[in-house]
Amino acid sequence: MEVSLNIPDELLPRLHLHKGKLAQILSLGLREIEAKPSEGFTGLADVLEFLAGLPTPEETLHLRPSSQLQAQIEQLLEKQREQGLNAEEATVWQQYEYVEHLVRKAKLSALQKQQCSCE
């Protein structure tokens, strides 16, 4: 299907760098927009925004994915074990792994801060 879009001028240079990935960009963007709010974090962007807000150590240690995000992760894990992931799914999995790494680092730092303040 052919679609025409009006793109803001400030996005054109960034989009041009990824012109071969437009379908993936749209898919990931739609996934984030369609995420239904629930308890915890519904998507990776939510987690990154939370961390960018410089939460307290206690808030960081209580960070958990929503049941919806956890289900998405488990679906990808199961598919990876059973039949393997396609290119788009592999990219999403890499994003999950990277954000999980950042969350673990944030939690370790929060735990260290908490321990220092208790001494």
N, C-alpha and C. Protein backbone atom coordinates (compact mmCIF):
# COMPACT_ATOMS: atom_id res chain seq x y z
N MET A 1 0.85 -1.17 0.00
CA MET A 1 0.00 0.00 0.00
C MET A 1 0.89 1.23 0.00
N GLU A 2 0.54 2.20 -0.76
CA GLU A 2 1.29 3.45 -0.83
C GLU A 2 0.59 4.50 0.02
N VAL A 3 1.38 5.22 0.84
CA VAL A 3 0.84 6.23 1.74
C VAL A 3 1.68 7.48 1.59
N SER A 4 1.02 8.64 1.60
CA SER A 4 1.72 9.92 1.58
C SER A 4 1.65 10.54 2.97
N LEU A 5 2.78 11.07 3.42
CA LEU A 5 2.84 11.67 4.75
C LEU A 5 3.44 13.06 4.67
N ASN A 6 2.99 13.93 5.55
CA ASN A 6 3.63 15.23 5.74
C ASN A 6 4.52 15.10 6.97
N ILE A 7 5.82 15.20 6.77
CA ILE A 7 6.79 15.02 7.84
C ILE A 7 7.34 16.39 8.23
N PRO A 8 7.38 16.70 9.53
CA PRO A 8 7.99 17.97 9.96
C PRO A 8 9.44 18.07 9.51
N ASP A 9 9.84 19.25 9.11
CA ASP A 9 11.20 19.47 8.59
C ASP A 9 12.29 18.98 9.53
N GLU A 10 12.08 19.14 10.85
CA GLU A 10 13.13 18.75 11.79
C GLU A 10 13.31 17.24 11.87
N LEU A 11 12.33 16.45 11.43
CA LEU A 11 12.46 15.00 11.45
C LEU A 11 13.09 14.44 10.17
N LEU A 12 13.07 15.20 9.10
CA LEU A 12 13.54 14.69 7.81
C LEU A 12 14.97 14.16 7.85
N PRO A 13 15.94 14.88 8.40
CA PRO A 13 17.31 14.33 8.40
C PRO A 13 17.41 13.01 9.18
N ARG A 14 16.71 12.93 10.31
CA ARG A 14 16.75 11.69 11.10
C ARG A 14 16.07 10.55 10.37
N LEU A 15 14.94 10.85 9.75
CA LEU A 15 14.20 9.82 9.04
C LEU A 15 14.97 9.35 7.81
N HIS A 16 15.65 10.26 7.16
CA HIS A 16 16.43 9.91 5.98
C HIS A 16 17.52 8.88 6.32
N LEU A 17 18.11 8.99 7.51
CA LEU A 17 19.14 8.04 7.94
C LEU A 17 18.58 6.63 8.08
N HIS A 18 17.27 6.52 8.29
CA HIS A 18 16.63 5.22 8.53
C HIS A 18 15.56 4.92 7.48
N LYS A 19 15.74 5.42 6.28
CA LYS A 19 14.68 5.31 5.27
C LYS A 19 14.32 3.87 4.94
N GLY A 20 15.22 2.95 5.10
CA GLY A 20 14.91 1.54 4.83
C GLY A 20 14.16 0.86 5.96
N LYS A 21 13.97 1.56 7.07
CA LYS A 21 13.33 0.98 8.25
C LYS A 21 12.01 1.66 8.58
N LEU A 22 11.40 2.32 7.63
CA LEU A 22 10.17 3.07 7.91
C LEU A 22 9.06 2.17 8.45
N ALA A 23 8.90 0.99 7.88
CA ALA A 23 7.85 0.08 8.35
C ALA A 23 8.10 -0.31 9.81
N GLN A 24 9.35 -0.58 10.15
CA GLN A 24 9.70 -0.94 11.52
C GLN A 24 9.47 0.24 12.46
N ILE A 25 9.83 1.43 12.04
CA ILE A 25 9.63 2.63 12.86
C ILE A 25 8.14 2.82 13.15
N LEU A 26 7.32 2.68 12.12
CA LEU A 26 5.88 2.82 12.30
C LEU A 26 5.32 1.73 13.21
N SER A 27 5.79 0.51 13.03
CA SER A 27 5.32 -0.61 13.85
C SER A 27 5.65 -0.39 15.32
N LEU A 28 6.88 -0.02 15.61
CA LEU A 28 7.29 0.21 17.00
C LEU A 28 6.55 1.41 17.61
N GLY A 29 6.39 2.46 16.82
CA GLY A 29 5.67 3.64 17.29
C GLY A 29 4.22 3.32 17.60
N LEU A 30 3.58 2.58 16.72
CA LEU A 30 2.18 2.19 16.94
C LEU A 30 2.05 1.30 18.17
N ARG A 31 3.00 0.41 18.35
CA ARG A 31 2.96 -0.47 19.52
C ARG A 31 2.99 0.34 20.81
N GLU A 32 3.82 1.36 20.85
CA GLU A 32 3.91 2.21 22.04
C GLU A 32 2.63 3.02 22.24
N ILE A 33 2.09 3.56 21.16
CA ILE A 33 0.88 4.37 21.26
C ILE A 33 -0.31 3.53 21.69
N GLU A 34 -0.39 2.30 21.21
CA GLU A 34 -1.53 1.44 21.50
C GLU A 34 -1.44 0.74 22.84
N ALA A 35 -0.30 0.86 23.51
CA ALA A 35 -0.14 0.21 24.81
C ALA A 35 -1.18 0.76 25.77
N LYS A 36 -1.92 -0.11 26.41
CA LYS A 36 -2.96 0.30 27.35
C LYS A 36 -2.33 0.53 28.71
N PRO A 37 -2.65 1.67 29.34
CA PRO A 37 -2.09 1.90 30.67
C PRO A 37 -2.55 0.84 31.65
N SER A 38 -1.64 0.37 32.45
CA SER A 38 -1.97 -0.59 33.50
C SER A 38 -0.96 -0.41 34.62
N GLU A 39 -1.01 -1.29 35.59
CA GLU A 39 -0.07 -1.21 36.69
C GLU A 39 1.34 -1.51 36.16
N GLY A 40 2.30 -0.72 36.53
CA GLY A 40 3.67 -0.93 36.06
C GLY A 40 3.91 -0.17 34.78
N PHE A 41 4.93 -0.56 34.05
CA PHE A 41 5.32 0.13 32.84
C PHE A 41 4.86 -0.65 31.62
N THR A 42 4.18 0.04 30.71
CA THR A 42 3.58 -0.63 29.57
C THR A 42 4.55 -0.79 28.41
N GLY A 43 5.58 -0.02 28.36
CA GLY A 43 6.51 -0.11 27.25
C GLY A 43 7.89 0.38 27.63
N LEU A 44 8.82 0.15 26.74
CA LEU A 44 10.20 0.53 27.02
C LEU A 44 10.36 2.03 27.15
N ALA A 45 9.63 2.79 26.36
CA ALA A 45 9.73 4.25 26.45
C ALA A 45 9.33 4.72 27.85
N ASP A 46 8.33 4.08 28.45
CA ASP A 46 7.91 4.45 29.81
C ASP A 46 9.05 4.23 30.81
N VAL A 47 9.76 3.14 30.66
CA VAL A 47 10.86 2.82 31.57
C VAL A 47 11.97 3.87 31.43
N LEU A 48 12.31 4.19 30.18
CA LEU A 48 13.37 5.17 29.96
C LEU A 48 12.98 6.56 30.47
N GLU A 49 11.72 6.93 30.27
CA GLU A 49 11.25 8.23 30.78
C GLU A 49 11.31 8.25 32.31
N PHE A 50 10.94 7.13 32.93
CA PHE A 50 11.01 7.03 34.39
C PHE A 50 12.45 7.24 34.87
N LEU A 51 13.39 6.53 34.25
CA LEU A 51 14.79 6.64 34.66
C LEU A 51 15.35 8.04 34.39
N ALA A 52 14.91 8.65 33.29
CA ALA A 52 15.37 10.00 32.96
C ALA A 52 14.88 11.02 33.98
N GLY A 53 13.80 10.69 34.70
CA GLY A 53 13.27 11.59 35.73
C GLY A 53 14.04 11.56 37.03
N LEU A 54 15.14 10.81 37.08
CA LEU A 54 15.99 10.70 38.27
C LEU A 54 15.18 10.34 39.52
N PRO A 55 14.60 9.14 39.52
CA PRO A 55 13.79 8.70 40.66
C PRO A 55 14.64 8.48 41.89
N THR A 56 13.99 8.40 43.02
CA THR A 56 14.69 8.10 44.27
C THR A 56 15.15 6.64 44.23
N PRO A 57 16.11 6.28 45.07
CA PRO A 57 16.53 4.87 45.12
C PRO A 57 15.36 3.92 45.39
N GLU A 58 14.46 4.31 46.27
CA GLU A 58 13.31 3.46 46.60
C GLU A 58 12.42 3.26 45.37
N GLU A 59 12.15 4.34 44.64
CA GLU A 59 11.33 4.24 43.43
C GLU A 59 11.99 3.34 42.40
N THR A 60 13.30 3.47 42.26
CA THR A 60 14.04 2.65 41.29
C THR A 60 13.97 1.17 41.65
N LEU A 61 14.15 0.88 42.93
CA LEU A 61 14.12 -0.52 43.37
C LEU A 61 12.74 -1.16 43.21
N HIS A 62 11.69 -0.35 43.19
CA HIS A 62 10.34 -0.87 43.02
C HIS A 62 9.89 -0.92 41.56
N LEU A 63 10.77 -0.58 40.65
CA LEU A 63 10.44 -0.57 39.22
C LEU A 63 10.14 -1.98 38.73
N ARG A 64 8.98 -2.17 38.14
CA ARG A 64 8.55 -3.47 37.62
C ARG A 64 7.83 -3.26 36.29
N PRO A 65 7.94 -4.23 35.38
CA PRO A 65 7.18 -4.13 34.13
C PRO A 65 5.70 -4.42 34.39
N SER A 66 4.84 -3.89 33.56
CA SER A 66 3.42 -4.20 33.66
C SER A 66 3.22 -5.66 33.26
N SER A 67 2.06 -6.19 33.58
CA SER A 67 1.77 -7.56 33.16
C SER A 67 1.74 -7.65 31.63
N GLN A 68 1.31 -6.57 30.98
CA GLN A 68 1.28 -6.54 29.51
C GLN A 68 2.69 -6.61 28.94
N LEU A 69 3.60 -5.80 29.46
CA LEU A 69 4.98 -5.82 28.98
C LEU A 69 5.64 -7.17 29.29
N GLN A 70 5.39 -7.70 30.48
CA GLN A 70 5.94 -9.00 30.85
C GLN A 70 5.44 -10.08 29.90
N ALA A 71 4.16 -10.01 29.52
CA ALA A 71 3.59 -11.00 28.59
C ALA A 71 4.26 -10.89 27.22
N GLN A 72 4.53 -9.66 26.77
CA GLN A 72 5.21 -9.48 25.48
C GLN A 72 6.60 -10.10 25.52
N ILE A 73 7.30 -9.90 26.61
CA ILE A 73 8.65 -10.45 26.76
C ILE A 73 8.59 -11.98 26.76
N GLU A 74 7.64 -12.53 27.51
CA GLU A 74 7.51 -13.98 27.58
C GLU A 74 7.13 -14.59 26.22
N GLN A 75 6.29 -13.89 25.45
CA GLN A 75 5.93 -14.37 24.11
C GLN A 75 7.16 -14.44 23.21
N LEU A 76 7.98 -13.40 23.26
CA LEU A 76 9.19 -13.40 22.45
C LEU A 76 10.15 -14.51 22.89
N LEU A 77 10.29 -14.70 24.18
CA LEU A 77 11.16 -15.78 24.68
C LEU A 77 10.69 -17.14 24.19
N GLU A 78 9.39 -17.37 24.27
CA GLU A 78 8.84 -18.65 23.84
C GLU A 78 9.04 -18.85 22.33
N LYS A 79 8.77 -17.80 21.56
CA LYS A 79 8.94 -17.91 20.12
C LYS A 79 10.41 -18.13 19.76
N GLN A 80 11.29 -17.46 20.49
CA GLN A 80 12.73 -17.62 20.24
C GLN A 80 13.16 -19.07 20.49
N ARG A 81 12.65 -19.68 21.54
CA ARG A 81 12.99 -21.07 21.85
C ARG A 81 12.40 -22.04 20.83
N GLU A 82 11.16 -21.81 20.42
CA GLU A 82 10.46 -22.77 19.57
C GLU A 82 10.81 -22.67 18.09
N GLN A 83 10.84 -21.46 17.54
CA GLN A 83 11.04 -21.36 16.10
C GLN A 83 12.01 -20.25 15.68
N GLY A 84 12.45 -19.45 16.61
CA GLY A 84 13.33 -18.34 16.27
C GLY A 84 12.54 -17.09 15.97
N LEU A 85 13.22 -15.97 16.00
CA LEU A 85 12.59 -14.67 15.79
C LEU A 85 12.88 -14.15 14.39
N ASN A 86 11.91 -13.42 13.83
CA ASN A 86 12.18 -12.75 12.55
C ASN A 86 12.99 -11.49 12.85
N ALA A 87 13.39 -10.76 11.82
CA ALA A 87 14.27 -9.61 11.99
C ALA A 87 13.66 -8.54 12.89
N GLU A 88 12.38 -8.26 12.70
CA GLU A 88 11.72 -7.23 13.51
C GLU A 88 11.65 -7.66 14.97
N GLU A 89 11.29 -8.90 15.20
CA GLU A 89 11.22 -9.42 16.57
C GLU A 89 12.59 -9.45 17.24
N ALA A 90 13.61 -9.78 16.47
CA ALA A 90 14.97 -9.80 17.02
C ALA A 90 15.40 -8.39 17.44
N THR A 91 15.01 -7.39 16.67
CA THR A 91 15.32 -6.00 17.02
C THR A 91 14.60 -5.60 18.30
N VAL A 92 13.33 -5.96 18.41
CA VAL A 92 12.56 -5.67 19.62
C VAL A 92 13.20 -6.36 20.82
N TRP A 93 13.61 -7.62 20.64
CA TRP A 93 14.27 -8.36 21.73
C TRP A 93 15.55 -7.66 22.17
N GLN A 94 16.33 -7.19 21.22
CA GLN A 94 17.57 -6.48 21.55
C GLN A 94 17.26 -5.22 22.36
N GLN A 95 16.16 -4.54 22.02
CA GLN A 95 15.77 -3.35 22.77
C GLN A 95 15.39 -3.73 24.21
N TYR A 96 14.63 -4.82 24.37
CA TYR A 96 14.28 -5.28 25.71
C TYR A 96 15.53 -5.59 26.52
N GLU A 97 16.48 -6.29 25.89
CA GLU A 97 17.71 -6.65 26.60
C GLU A 97 18.49 -5.40 27.03
N TYR A 98 18.56 -4.42 26.16
CA TYR A 98 19.31 -3.20 26.48
C TYR A 98 18.65 -2.44 27.62
N VAL A 99 17.33 -2.30 27.57
CA VAL A 99 16.64 -1.58 28.64
C VAL A 99 16.74 -2.36 29.94
N GLU A 100 16.66 -3.68 29.88
CA GLU A 100 16.82 -4.48 31.10
C GLU A 100 18.21 -4.24 31.70
N HIS A 101 19.22 -4.16 30.85
CA HIS A 101 20.58 -3.87 31.31
C HIS A 101 20.62 -2.52 32.03
N LEU A 102 19.98 -1.50 31.44
CA LEU A 102 19.96 -0.18 32.06
C LEU A 102 19.23 -0.21 33.40
N VAL A 103 18.13 -0.93 33.46
CA VAL A 103 17.36 -1.02 34.71
C VAL A 103 18.19 -1.72 35.78
N ARG A 104 18.89 -2.78 35.41
CA ARG A 104 19.74 -3.47 36.40
C ARG A 104 20.82 -2.55 36.93
N LYS A 105 21.43 -1.77 36.04
CA LYS A 105 22.46 -0.82 36.48
C LYS A 105 21.85 0.23 37.41
N ALA A 106 20.66 0.71 37.06
CA ALA A 106 20.00 1.72 37.89
C ALA A 106 19.65 1.14 39.27
N LYS A 107 19.19 -0.10 39.29
CA LYS A 107 18.84 -0.73 40.57
C LYS A 107 20.07 -0.98 41.43
N LEU A 108 21.17 -1.38 40.81
CA LEU A 108 22.41 -1.58 41.55
C LEU A 108 22.87 -0.26 42.17
N SER A 109 22.83 0.79 41.37
CA SER A 109 23.21 2.11 41.87
C SER A 109 22.29 2.56 43.00
N ALA A 110 20.99 2.32 42.86
CA ALA A 110 20.02 2.69 43.89
C ALA A 110 20.29 1.92 45.18
N LEU A 111 20.59 0.64 45.05
CA LEU A 111 20.89 -0.18 46.22
C LEU A 111 22.14 0.32 46.93
N GLN A 112 23.16 0.68 46.15
CA GLN A 112 24.39 1.21 46.75
C GLN A 112 24.12 2.53 47.47
N LYS A 113 23.30 3.39 46.88
CA LYS A 113 22.96 4.67 47.52
C LYS A 113 22.19 4.43 48.81
N GLN A 114 21.27 3.48 48.76
CA GLN A 114 20.48 3.16 49.94
C GLN A 114 21.37 2.64 51.06
N GLN A 115 22.33 1.78 50.74
CA GLN A 115 23.22 1.22 51.74
C GLN A 115 24.15 2.28 52.32
N CYS A 116 24.59 3.22 51.49
CA CYS A 116 25.46 4.29 51.98
C CYS A 116 24.73 5.22 52.94
N SER A 117 23.46 5.46 52.68
CA SER A 117 22.70 6.38 53.55
C SER A 117 22.31 5.72 54.87
N CYS A 118 22.35 4.38 54.91
CA CYS A 118 21.99 3.66 56.14
C CYS A 118 23.17 3.55 57.10
N GLU A 119 24.36 3.69 56.58
CA GLU A 119 25.56 3.51 57.43
C GLU A 119 25.86 4.75 58.25
